[in-house]
Structure formats: C-alpha cells, structure tokens
Amino acid sequence: MVTRSDSAFDLLKGVLQPPVSLRTQLQRLLPTSGTLHQLQAPAAELNPGLVSVLAGLRGLAQVIFINNPISGLVLLAAFWVQSPATALLALLGAAAAHGTASQLGLEPGLRQEGIYGFNGVLVGCAIAHFAQLDRPWAGLVWAGLVLVGGALSTLLLEGLRRGLHRRLKTGIGDGGGLGVKLLAGQMGKGAPHTLKRQALNLLQRDCSLSAKLC
C-alpha cells in the first residue's frame, strides 16, 4: 500500500510540477536574462560611476538590439578578440556619446538605457574599420575623431528627437482643432447650445492631454 501511495503521489507531483529544463536551472543560478534593471539601485549605492558603466555596456548591447549590460560586455569581449583597436575605439565612442548626454543633462532614462551611447559605438567601429594605425601618432588622431564623432552623434540624435517631438505635438494640435470644427459643423443648429458646448470642451480637453503626453 505504501508503494502505491508513493507512486500515486509521485505521479501527481510530476503532473502538477513539470520537470525544470537545464536552461531554466542555469538561469536561476546565473540570472542574466532580461534587462537586469535590478542592478541599477545597488550600483548607485555602491558607486554612482557604476551607473554610467552599466549605461555604457547597455549602449554596446543596443547595437545588436539587446538591452542588457552583460550582453554589452560579451560584445566588447568579441570586439577585443577580433580587433583590440575596434574594441577600444568602440568603447571610446560610447564614452564620448554618453558623456556628452550627461554633460548636457539630457533625458536620464534614455541615458541609462544606452540610447545615446550606441551611436558612439557605431562611430568608433566605423572609424576603426578605416583607421590606419601604423603611423606615428595616428592612434591619437583617430581617437580624437571618435571623440568628436561620438559627441556629434548625441547632438544629432537629440536634435532629431526634439524635432519629431515638436512635429507630433503640432500634428495633434492641428488635428484637435479640425476635430472641434467638424464636430461643431455636424451638430449644427439643431442641438442645444449647452450640449454643443460640453462636447467641444471635452474634445478640447482630450486634445490638450494628448499633446502633453507627446
């Protein structure tokens, strides 16, 4: 009887708790999946500079559309194995782009996600591809170009972001004004004045809220 009970219990346990795969067990031992935003607070408490390091690693990973600092570290290691010069210039470009965004006080959330840094990484990789480092002082010249290009990439991205932001706000405002006119025309003279006024006020309020959200 005990054997049957144990067998039934094991069978029920196996049905209710399916076996965990080896991949899931490894992820529990080394939780590197996801975006690892849980590292932000401990890093800030330990040393505020580590937050910038995490942002730089995220910028490296954003090149391959991954928001994970460990992925950025792996990509940097791959760059180093392939070409140490590429790794150094990519890291320098990320630092230049992120540093420019920090000095200008740009959107903190975008900085922490590595949105500004990944353009600097691309600048560093592009210059490393064409750089000729066999001449004296050539490394300093190319490094200076990476610094300038990384900084300019941040300014360009921020300019495009603000321009798109203004266009969206203007478009929503124009659309809201057109909607108010159409609603007033459709209601015509047959509707009560108070009803028309309430409908117009609601539409204007919704358009103003949408403009603020953009």
C-alpha atoms as a PDB file:
ATOM      1  CA  MET A   1       0.000   0.000   0.000  1.00  0.00           C
ATOM      2  CA  VAL A   2       2.800   2.415   0.803  1.00  0.00           C
ATOM      3  CA  THR A   3       4.378   1.759  -2.555  1.00  0.00           C
ATOM      4  CA  ARG A   4       1.130   2.517  -4.385  1.00  0.00           C
ATOM      5  CA  SER A   5       0.620   5.691  -2.334  1.00  0.00           C
ATOM      6  CA  ASP A   6       4.142   6.855  -3.050  1.00  0.00           C
ATOM      7  CA  SER A   7       3.742   6.074  -6.746  1.00  0.00           C
ATOM      8  CA  ALA A   8       0.447   7.955  -6.963  1.00  0.00           C
ATOM      9  CA  PHE A   9       1.954  10.868  -5.095  1.00  0.00           C
ATOM     10  CA  ASP A  10       4.981  10.958  -7.396  1.00  0.00           C
ATOM     11  CA  LEU A  11       2.729  10.783 -10.451  1.00  0.00           C
ATOM     12  CA  LEU A  12       0.555  13.640  -9.180  1.00  0.00           C
ATOM     13  CA  LYS A  13       3.628  15.674  -8.300  1.00  0.00           C
ATOM     14  CA  GLY A  14       5.050  15.122 -11.769  1.00  0.00           C
ATOM     15  CA  VAL A  15       1.817  16.317 -13.367  1.00  0.00           C
ATOM     16  CA  LEU A  16       1.446  19.408 -11.195  1.00  0.00           C
ATOM     17  CA  GLN A  17       5.148  20.260 -11.221  1.00  0.00           C
ATOM     18  CA  PRO A  18       6.659  19.515 -14.627  1.00  0.00           C
ATOM     19  CA  PRO A  19      10.413  18.936 -14.695  1.00  0.00           C
ATOM     20  CA  VAL A  20      12.519  22.072 -14.984  1.00  0.00           C
ATOM     21  CA  SER A  21      14.799  22.230 -18.002  1.00  0.00           C
ATOM     22  CA  LEU A  22      18.537  22.559 -17.648  1.00  0.00           C
ATOM     23  CA  ARG A  23      18.419  26.023 -19.224  1.00  0.00           C
ATOM     24  CA  THR A  24      15.949  27.242 -16.598  1.00  0.00           C
ATOM     25  CA  GLN A  25      18.098  25.826 -13.805  1.00  0.00           C
ATOM     26  CA  LEU A  26      21.162  27.619 -15.165  1.00  0.00           C
ATOM     27  CA  GLN A  27      19.227  30.882 -15.447  1.00  0.00           C
ATOM     28  CA  ARG A  28      18.247  30.584 -11.791  1.00  0.00           C
ATOM     29  CA  LEU A  29      21.876  30.076 -10.817  1.00  0.00           C
ATOM     30  CA  LEU A  30      23.037  32.951 -13.043  1.00  0.00           C
ATOM     31  CA  PRO A  31      20.091  35.322 -13.653  1.00  0.00           C
ATOM     32  CA  THR A  32      21.419  37.140 -16.691  1.00  0.00           C
ATOM     33  CA  SER A  33      18.244  37.148 -18.785  1.00  0.00           C
ATOM     34  CA  GLY A  34      16.066  40.209 -19.184  1.00  0.00           C
ATOM     35  CA  THR A  35      17.279  43.788 -18.930  1.00  0.00           C
ATOM     36  CA  LEU A  36      18.837  43.481 -15.440  1.00  0.00           C
ATOM     37  CA  HIS A  37      17.441  46.794 -14.259  1.00  0.00           C
ATOM     38  CA  GLN A  38      17.650  45.405 -10.741  1.00  0.00           C
ATOM     39  CA  LEU A  39      21.368  46.235 -10.877  1.00  0.00           C
ATOM     40  CA  GLN A  40      20.745  49.990 -11.071  1.00  0.00           C
ATOM     41  CA  ALA A  41      19.978  50.628  -7.394  1.00  0.00           C
ATOM     42  CA  PRO A  42      22.832  48.512  -5.928  1.00  0.00           C
ATOM     43  CA  ALA A  43      25.277  50.056  -8.415  1.00  0.00           C
ATOM     44  CA  ALA A  44      24.183  53.593  -7.487  1.00  0.00           C
ATOM     45  CA  GLU A  45      24.594  52.842  -3.783  1.00  0.00           C
ATOM     46  CA  LEU A  46      27.999  51.246  -4.249  1.00  0.00           C
ATOM     47  CA  ASN A  47      29.416  53.875  -6.598  1.00  0.00           C
ATOM     48  CA  PRO A  48      27.481  56.366  -8.775  1.00  0.00           C
ATOM     49  CA  GLY A  49      30.069  55.900 -11.501  1.00  0.00           C
ATOM     50  CA  LEU A  50      28.947  52.291 -11.922  1.00  0.00           C
ATOM     51  CA  VAL A  51      25.622  53.561 -13.269  1.00  0.00           C
ATOM     52  CA  SER A  52      27.496  55.150 -16.165  1.00  0.00           C
ATOM     53  CA  VAL A  53      29.419  51.915 -16.684  1.00  0.00           C
ATOM     54  CA  LEU A  54      26.151  49.984 -16.917  1.00  0.00           C
ATOM     55  CA  ALA A  55      24.786  52.582 -19.333  1.00  0.00           C
ATOM     56  CA  GLY A  56      27.893  52.245 -21.495  1.00  0.00           C
ATOM     57  CA  LEU A  57      27.565  48.466 -21.585  1.00  0.00           C
ATOM     58  CA  ARG A  58      23.884  48.806 -22.470  1.00  0.00           C
ATOM     59  CA  GLY A  59      24.894  51.140 -25.293  1.00  0.00           C
ATOM     60  CA  LEU A  60      27.200  48.444 -26.645  1.00  0.00           C
ATOM     61  CA  ALA A  61      24.412  45.867 -26.464  1.00  0.00           C
ATOM     62  CA  GLN A  62      21.923  48.217 -28.123  1.00  0.00           C
ATOM     63  CA  VAL A  63      23.968  47.863 -31.312  1.00  0.00           C
ATOM     64  CA  ILE A  64      22.528  44.349 -31.619  1.00  0.00           C
ATOM     65  CA  PHE A  65      19.106  45.450 -30.237  1.00  0.00           C
ATOM     66  CA  ILE A  66      19.650  43.998 -26.750  1.00  0.00           C
ATOM     67  CA  ASN A  67      19.151  46.000 -23.553  1.00  0.00           C
ATOM     68  CA  ASN A  68      21.430  44.037 -21.247  1.00  0.00           C
ATOM     69  CA  PRO A  69      24.808  45.132 -19.801  1.00  0.00           C
ATOM     70  CA  ILE A  70      26.174  41.589 -19.752  1.00  0.00           C
ATOM     71  CA  SER A  71      25.415  41.277 -23.462  1.00  0.00           C
ATOM     72  CA  GLY A  72      27.331  44.513 -23.993  1.00  0.00           C
ATOM     73  CA  LEU A  73      30.278  43.087 -22.069  1.00  0.00           C
ATOM     74  CA  VAL A  74      30.221  39.937 -24.199  1.00  0.00           C
ATOM     75  CA  LEU A  75      30.092  42.034 -27.376  1.00  0.00           C
ATOM     76  CA  LEU A  76      33.034  44.114 -26.166  1.00  0.00           C
ATOM     77  CA  ALA A  77      34.997  40.919 -25.500  1.00  0.00           C
ATOM     78  CA  ALA A  78      34.176  39.712 -29.020  1.00  0.00           C
ATOM     79  CA  PHE A  79      35.437  43.028 -30.424  1.00  0.00           C
ATOM     80  CA  TRP A  80      38.645  42.618 -28.446  1.00  0.00           C
ATOM     81  CA  VAL A  81      39.231  39.093 -29.749  1.00  0.00           C
ATOM     82  CA  GLN A  82      38.668  40.227 -33.330  1.00  0.00           C
ATOM     83  CA  SER A  83      40.461  43.571 -33.098  1.00  0.00           C
ATOM     84  CA  PRO A  84      41.647  45.309 -29.906  1.00  0.00           C
ATOM     85  CA  ALA A  85      41.670  48.635 -31.754  1.00  0.00           C
ATOM     86  CA  THR A  86      37.992  48.213 -32.646  1.00  0.00           C
ATOM     87  CA  ALA A  87      37.137  47.403 -29.036  1.00  0.00           C
ATOM     88  CA  LEU A  88      38.981  50.441 -27.712  1.00  0.00           C
ATOM     89  CA  LEU A  89      37.544  52.862 -30.265  1.00  0.00           C
ATOM     90  CA  ALA A  90      34.018  51.487 -29.784  1.00  0.00           C
ATOM     91  CA  LEU A  91      34.359  51.910 -26.025  1.00  0.00           C
ATOM     92  CA  LEU A  92      35.749  55.414 -26.522  1.00  0.00           C
ATOM     93  CA  GLY A  93      32.845  56.327 -28.798  1.00  0.00           C
ATOM     94  CA  ALA A  94      30.312  55.066 -26.274  1.00  0.00           C
ATOM     95  CA  ALA A  95      32.016  57.065 -23.517  1.00  0.00           C
ATOM     96  CA  ALA A  96      32.048  60.217 -25.666  1.00  0.00           C
ATOM     97  CA  ALA A  97      28.379  59.918 -26.599  1.00  0.00           C
ATOM     98  CA  HIS A  98      27.207  59.084 -23.086  1.00  0.00           C
ATOM     99  CA  GLY A  99      29.434  61.728 -21.523  1.00  0.00           C
ATOM    100  CA  THR A 100      28.056  64.392 -23.864  1.00  0.00           C
ATOM    101  CA  ALA A 101      24.492  63.400 -22.979  1.00  0.00           C
ATOM    102  CA  SER A 102      25.340  63.544 -19.261  1.00  0.00           C
ATOM    103  CA  GLN A 103      27.018  66.949 -19.502  1.00  0.00           C
ATOM    104  CA  LEU A 104      24.049  68.379 -21.402  1.00  0.00           C
ATOM    105  CA  GLY A 105      21.616  66.913 -18.867  1.00  0.00           C
ATOM    106  CA  LEU A 106      19.636  65.031 -21.479  1.00  0.00           C
ATOM    107  CA  GLU A 107      16.848  62.556 -20.671  1.00  0.00           C
ATOM    108  CA  PRO A 108      18.157  60.371 -17.776  1.00  0.00           C
ATOM    109  CA  GLY A 109      16.022  57.393 -18.763  1.00  0.00           C
ATOM    110  CA  LEU A 110      17.428  57.368 -22.298  1.00  0.00           C
ATOM    111  CA  ARG A 111      20.967  57.693 -20.958  1.00  0.00           C
ATOM    112  CA  GLN A 112      20.547  54.737 -18.618  1.00  0.00           C
ATOM    113  CA  GLU A 113      19.117  52.599 -21.422  1.00  0.00           C
ATOM    114  CA  GLY A 114      22.175  53.271 -23.588  1.00  0.00           C
ATOM    115  CA  ILE A 115      20.191  55.023 -26.317  1.00  0.00           C
ATOM    116  CA  TYR A 116      22.761  57.794 -26.714  1.00  0.00           C
ATOM    117  CA  GLY A 117      25.787  55.540 -26.303  1.00  0.00           C
ATOM    118  CA  PHE A 118      25.100  53.055 -29.076  1.00  0.00           C
ATOM    119  CA  ASN A 119      25.584  55.686 -31.806  1.00  0.00           C
ATOM    120  CA  GLY A 120      29.011  56.401 -30.367  1.00  0.00           C
ATOM    121  CA  VAL A 121      29.789  52.679 -30.554  1.00  0.00           C
ATOM    122  CA  LEU A 122      28.889  52.651 -34.236  1.00  0.00           C
ATOM    123  CA  VAL A 123      31.075  55.706 -34.842  1.00  0.00           C
ATOM    124  CA  GLY A 124      34.006  54.002 -33.140  1.00  0.00           C
ATOM    125  CA  CYS A 125      33.543  50.794 -35.134  1.00  0.00           C
ATOM    126  CA  ALA A 126      33.281  52.688 -38.423  1.00  0.00           C
ATOM    127  CA  ILE A 127      36.433  54.712 -37.775  1.00  0.00           C
ATOM    128  CA  ALA A 128      38.298  51.595 -36.613  1.00  0.00           C
ATOM    129  CA  HIS A 129      37.473  49.955 -39.934  1.00  0.00           C
ATOM    130  CA  PHE A 130      39.089  52.742 -41.960  1.00  0.00           C
ATOM    131  CA  ALA A 131      41.795  53.791 -39.493  1.00  0.00           C
ATOM    132  CA  GLN A 132      45.473  53.339 -40.365  1.00  0.00           C
ATOM    133  CA  LEU A 133      47.278  52.880 -37.078  1.00  0.00           C
ATOM    134  CA  ASP A 134      50.713  52.051 -38.431  1.00  0.00           C
ATOM    135  CA  ARG A 135      51.903  55.668 -38.465  1.00  0.00           C
ATOM    136  CA  PRO A 136      53.273  57.653 -35.509  1.00  0.00           C
ATOM    137  CA  TRP A 137      50.593  59.497 -33.527  1.00  0.00           C
ATOM    138  CA  ALA A 138      47.931  58.060 -35.815  1.00  0.00           C
ATOM    139  CA  GLY A 139      46.152  56.453 -32.878  1.00  0.00           C
ATOM    140  CA  LEU A 140      45.669  59.803 -31.146  1.00  0.00           C
ATOM    141  CA  VAL A 141      44.280  61.388 -34.306  1.00  0.00           C
ATOM    142  CA  TRP A 142      41.755  58.612 -34.866  1.00  0.00           C
ATOM    143  CA  ALA A 143      40.830  58.599 -31.172  1.00  0.00           C
ATOM    144  CA  GLY A 144      40.174  62.349 -31.399  1.00  0.00           C
ATOM    145  CA  LEU A 145      37.904  61.772 -34.380  1.00  0.00           C
ATOM    146  CA  VAL A 146      35.994  59.149 -32.406  1.00  0.00           C
ATOM    147  CA  LEU A 147      35.528  61.578 -29.514  1.00  0.00           C
ATOM    148  CA  VAL A 148      34.226  64.289 -31.823  1.00  0.00           C
ATOM    149  CA  GLY A 149      32.036  61.876 -33.789  1.00  0.00           C
ATOM    150  CA  GLY A 150      30.582  60.324 -30.640  1.00  0.00           C
ATOM    151  CA  ALA A 151      29.698  63.744 -29.242  1.00  0.00           C
ATOM    152  CA  LEU A 152      28.159  64.860 -32.531  1.00  0.00           C
ATOM    153  CA  SER A 153      26.086  61.663 -32.731  1.00  0.00           C
ATOM    154  CA  THR A 154      24.470  62.560 -29.407  1.00  0.00           C
ATOM    155  CA  LEU A 155      23.704  66.101 -30.590  1.00  0.00           C
ATOM    156  CA  LEU A 156      22.248  64.777 -33.839  1.00  0.00           C
ATOM    157  CA  LEU A 157      20.077  62.198 -32.091  1.00  0.00           C
ATOM    158  CA  GLU A 158      18.777  64.737 -29.598  1.00  0.00           C
ATOM    159  CA  GLY A 159      18.022  67.213 -32.371  1.00  0.00           C
ATOM    160  CA  LEU A 160      16.060  64.601 -34.304  1.00  0.00           C
ATOM    161  CA  ARG A 161      14.214  63.532 -31.156  1.00  0.00           C
ATOM    162  CA  ARG A 162      13.153  67.073 -30.284  1.00  0.00           C
ATOM    163  CA  GLY A 163      12.175  67.852 -33.858  1.00  0.00           C
ATOM    164  CA  LEU A 164       9.966  64.770 -34.021  1.00  0.00           C
ATOM    165  CA  HIS A 165       8.521  65.669 -30.626  1.00  0.00           C
ATOM    166  CA  ARG A 166       7.513  69.138 -31.856  1.00  0.00           C
ATOM    167  CA  ARG A 167       6.025  67.729 -35.061  1.00  0.00           C
ATOM    168  CA  LEU A 168       3.904  65.259 -33.121  1.00  0.00           C
ATOM    169  CA  LYS A 169       2.630  67.961 -30.785  1.00  0.00           C
ATOM    170  CA  THR A 170       1.824  70.248 -33.724  1.00  0.00           C
ATOM    171  CA  GLY A 171       0.074  67.458 -35.608  1.00  0.00           C
ATOM    172  CA  ILE A 172      -2.055  66.533 -32.617  1.00  0.00           C
ATOM    173  CA  GLY A 173      -2.928  70.176 -32.028  1.00  0.00           C
ATOM    174  CA  ASP A 174      -3.960  70.723 -35.647  1.00  0.00           C
ATOM    175  CA  GLY A 175      -5.944  67.509 -35.673  1.00  0.00           C
ATOM    176  CA  GLY A 176      -7.701  68.518 -32.484  1.00  0.00           C
ATOM    177  CA  GLY A 177      -8.651  71.901 -33.886  1.00  0.00           C
ATOM    178  CA  LEU A 178     -10.012  70.289 -37.040  1.00  0.00           C
ATOM    179  CA  GLY A 179     -11.986  67.832 -34.922  1.00  0.00           C
ATOM    180  CA  VAL A 180     -13.556  70.680 -32.972  1.00  0.00           C
ATOM    181  CA  LYS A 181     -14.631  72.402 -36.201  1.00  0.00           C
ATOM    182  CA  LEU A 182     -16.055  69.204 -37.682  1.00  0.00           C
ATOM    183  CA  LEU A 183     -17.959  68.409 -34.508  1.00  0.00           C
ATOM    184  CA  ALA A 184     -19.430  71.908 -34.390  1.00  0.00           C
ATOM    185  CA  GLY A 185     -20.473  71.646 -38.016  1.00  0.00           C
ATOM    186  CA  GLN A 186     -22.026  68.211 -37.625  1.00  0.00           C
ATOM    187  CA  MET A 187     -24.070  69.182 -34.585  1.00  0.00           C
ATOM    188  CA  GLY A 188     -25.464  72.204 -36.408  1.00  0.00           C
ATOM    189  CA  LYS A 189     -28.166  74.436 -35.082  1.00  0.00           C
ATOM    190  CA  GLY A 190     -30.499  71.668 -34.070  1.00  0.00           C
ATOM    191  CA  ALA A 191     -28.580  70.655 -30.945  1.00  0.00           C
ATOM    192  CA  PRO A 192     -28.937  72.581 -27.697  1.00  0.00           C
ATOM    193  CA  HIS A 193     -26.272  75.176 -27.022  1.00  0.00           C
ATOM    194  CA  THR A 194     -25.242  73.621 -23.692  1.00  0.00           C
ATOM    195  CA  LEU A 195     -24.792  70.181 -25.288  1.00  0.00           C
ATOM    196  CA  LYS A 196     -22.587  71.613 -28.040  1.00  0.00           C
ATOM    197  CA  ARG A 197     -20.508  73.500 -25.508  1.00  0.00           C
ATOM    198  CA  GLN A 198     -19.984  70.400 -23.348  1.00  0.00           C
ATOM    199  CA  ALA A 199     -18.953  68.281 -26.327  1.00  0.00           C
ATOM    200  CA  LEU A 200     -16.497  70.899 -27.550  1.00  0.00           C
ATOM    201  CA  ASN A 201     -14.965  71.295 -24.098  1.00  0.00           C
ATOM    202  CA  LEU A 202     -14.456  67.539 -23.780  1.00  0.00           C
ATOM    203  CA  LEU A 203     -12.821  67.298 -27.206  1.00  0.00           C
ATOM    204  CA  GLN A 204     -10.508  70.227 -26.498  1.00  0.00           C
ATOM    205  CA  ARG A 205      -9.516  68.714 -23.160  1.00  0.00           C
ATOM    206  CA  ASP A 206      -8.681  65.361 -24.756  1.00  0.00           C
ATOM    207  CA  CYS A 207      -6.615  67.045 -27.471  1.00  0.00           C
ATOM    208  CA  SER A 208      -4.679  69.061 -24.878  1.00  0.00           C
ATOM    209  CA  LEU A 209      -3.983  65.903 -22.854  1.00  0.00           C
ATOM    210  CA  SER A 210      -2.749  64.061 -25.940  1.00  0.00           C
ATOM    211  CA  ALA A 211      -0.425  66.943 -26.790  1.00  0.00           C
ATOM    212  CA  LYS A 212       1.073  66.867 -23.297  1.00  0.00           C
ATOM    213  CA  LEU A 213       1.646  63.139 -23.479  1.00  0.00           C
ATOM    214  CA  CYS A 214       3.685  63.547 -26.669  1.00  0.00           C
END
